[in-house]
Amino acid sequence: MSSQPFNNRSDVLKEAETLVNGDRNDAYGDPIDDFRTTAELWTTYIRRIIDRRESTQLQPHDVASMMLLLKVSRLTWSPEKRDHWVDAIGYASCGWDCVEREGATDEWEGFVS
């Protein structure tokens, strides 16, 4: 008998395998295509941050924006999936909350390093 405590790793691994080889692959397309599209969108966004702020420092609202871009990428594959739209709205509202709490202005004062 093993002295190690029970864990759920095997169950989680099996669930993940089922999702990435089934439902997720069907909903988002092949991972290389999905991730490539997302990478292109994120690269454009980050380049804009560097040009606009002269910094590579990401802010909390940038995470929300980039997650929105992830959803945009997935919408190109499955626009009928309501979850993408709901998540996009959620990320947008959280992003705006971050902007307000960060005290950012329209001119991005304070973000240039």
Protein backbone atom coordinates (compact mmCIF):
# COMPACT_ATOMS: atom_id res chain seq x y z
CA MET A 1 0.00 0.00 0.00
CA SER A 2 1.31 3.43 -0.95
CA SER A 3 2.10 5.95 1.76
CA GLN A 4 1.25 8.86 -0.56
CA PRO A 5 -2.06 10.63 0.04
CA PHE A 6 -4.80 10.33 -2.58
CA ASN A 7 -4.82 13.04 -5.22
CA ASN A 8 -6.99 13.90 -8.19
CA ARG A 9 -4.20 14.34 -10.73
CA SER A 10 -5.24 11.38 -12.85
CA ASP A 11 -8.88 12.50 -12.93
CA VAL A 12 -7.88 16.03 -13.94
CA LEU A 13 -5.49 14.74 -16.59
CA LYS A 14 -8.17 12.47 -18.07
CA GLU A 15 -10.70 15.31 -18.11
CA ALA A 16 -8.20 17.64 -19.80
CA GLU A 17 -7.37 14.99 -22.40
CA THR A 18 -11.04 14.52 -23.21
CA LEU A 19 -11.55 18.28 -23.59
CA VAL A 20 -8.48 19.10 -25.67
CA ASN A 21 -9.05 16.16 -28.00
CA GLY A 22 -12.80 16.68 -28.28
CA ASP A 23 -14.95 19.62 -27.24
CA ARG A 24 -12.23 22.29 -27.15
CA ASN A 25 -10.69 21.19 -30.41
CA ASP A 26 -14.12 21.26 -32.05
CA ALA A 27 -14.99 24.68 -30.59
CA TYR A 28 -11.67 26.48 -31.17
CA GLY A 29 -10.05 24.60 -34.02
CA ASP A 30 -6.61 23.09 -34.06
CA PRO A 31 -4.50 24.58 -31.25
CA ILE A 32 -1.72 25.71 -33.59
CA ASP A 33 -4.22 27.73 -35.65
CA ASP A 34 -6.01 29.09 -32.58
CA PHE A 35 -2.79 30.03 -30.80
CA ARG A 36 -1.22 31.47 -33.97
CA THR A 37 -4.16 33.83 -34.47
CA THR A 38 -4.07 34.82 -30.80
CA ALA A 39 -0.29 35.35 -30.96
CA GLU A 40 -0.68 37.65 -33.96
CA LEU A 41 -3.31 39.72 -32.17
CA TRP A 42 -1.27 39.89 -28.95
CA THR A 43 1.89 40.84 -30.86
CA THR A 44 0.09 43.74 -32.49
CA TYR A 45 -1.28 44.85 -29.13
CA ILE A 46 2.11 44.67 -27.40
CA ARG A 47 3.81 46.55 -30.25
CA ARG A 48 1.23 49.27 -29.82
CA ILE A 49 1.95 49.45 -26.08
CA ILE A 50 5.67 49.80 -26.77
CA ASP A 51 5.06 52.53 -29.39
CA ARG A 52 2.48 54.41 -27.31
CA ARG A 53 3.98 54.11 -23.83
CA GLU A 54 7.63 53.54 -24.70
CA SER A 55 7.54 50.66 -22.25
CA THR A 56 7.01 46.91 -22.21
CA GLN A 57 5.40 47.06 -18.76
CA LEU A 58 1.92 45.58 -18.93
CA GLN A 59 -0.84 46.99 -16.75
CA PRO A 60 -3.81 45.07 -15.30
CA HIS A 61 -6.16 46.45 -17.98
CA ASP A 62 -3.80 45.09 -20.64
CA VAL A 63 -4.46 41.57 -19.40
CA ALA A 64 -8.20 42.16 -19.87
CA SER A 65 -7.57 43.56 -23.35
CA MET A 66 -5.42 40.61 -24.32
CA MET A 67 -8.01 38.17 -23.03
CA LEU A 68 -10.54 40.02 -25.20
CA LEU A 69 -8.23 39.40 -28.14
CA LEU A 70 -8.13 35.71 -27.23
CA LYS A 71 -11.92 35.69 -27.45
CA VAL A 72 -11.80 37.59 -30.77
CA SER A 73 -9.44 34.91 -32.08
CA ARG A 74 -11.85 32.19 -31.00
CA LEU A 75 -14.81 34.05 -32.47
CA THR A 76 -13.19 33.72 -35.89
CA TRP A 77 -13.57 29.96 -35.49
CA SER A 78 -16.92 29.67 -33.69
CA PRO A 79 -18.94 32.91 -33.63
CA GLU A 80 -22.05 30.93 -32.69
CA LYS A 81 -20.54 30.03 -29.31
CA ARG A 82 -22.30 32.30 -26.82
CA ASP A 83 -19.61 31.73 -24.21
CA HIS A 84 -17.12 33.77 -26.29
CA TRP A 85 -19.46 36.75 -26.35
CA VAL A 86 -20.25 36.53 -22.63
CA ASP A 87 -16.58 36.20 -21.73
CA ALA A 88 -15.69 39.17 -23.97
CA ILE A 89 -18.22 41.35 -22.16
CA GLY A 90 -16.87 40.16 -18.81
CA TYR A 91 -13.26 40.92 -19.77
CA ALA A 92 -14.28 44.35 -21.09
CA SER A 93 -16.06 45.27 -17.87
CA CYS A 94 -13.14 44.05 -15.75
CA GLY A 95 -10.71 45.96 -17.96
CA TRP A 96 -12.64 49.19 -17.52
CA ASP A 97 -12.71 48.62 -13.76
CA CYS A 98 -8.91 48.23 -13.83
CA VAL A 99 -8.48 51.44 -15.85
CA GLU A 100 -10.55 53.40 -13.37
CA ARG A 101 -8.78 51.90 -10.36
CA GLU A 102 -5.36 52.43 -11.97
CA GLY A 103 -6.25 56.10 -12.38
CA ALA A 104 -5.33 56.06 -16.07
CA THR A 105 -6.22 59.08 -18.17
CA ASP A 106 -7.01 59.41 -21.85
CA GLU A 107 -3.40 60.49 -22.41
CA TRP A 108 -1.96 57.47 -20.52
CA GLU A 109 -0.12 59.75 -18.13
CA GLY A 110 1.87 57.77 -15.63
CA PHE A 111 2.35 54.74 -17.88
CA VAL A 112 5.41 55.97 -19.79
CA SER A 113 8.54 54.66 -18.12
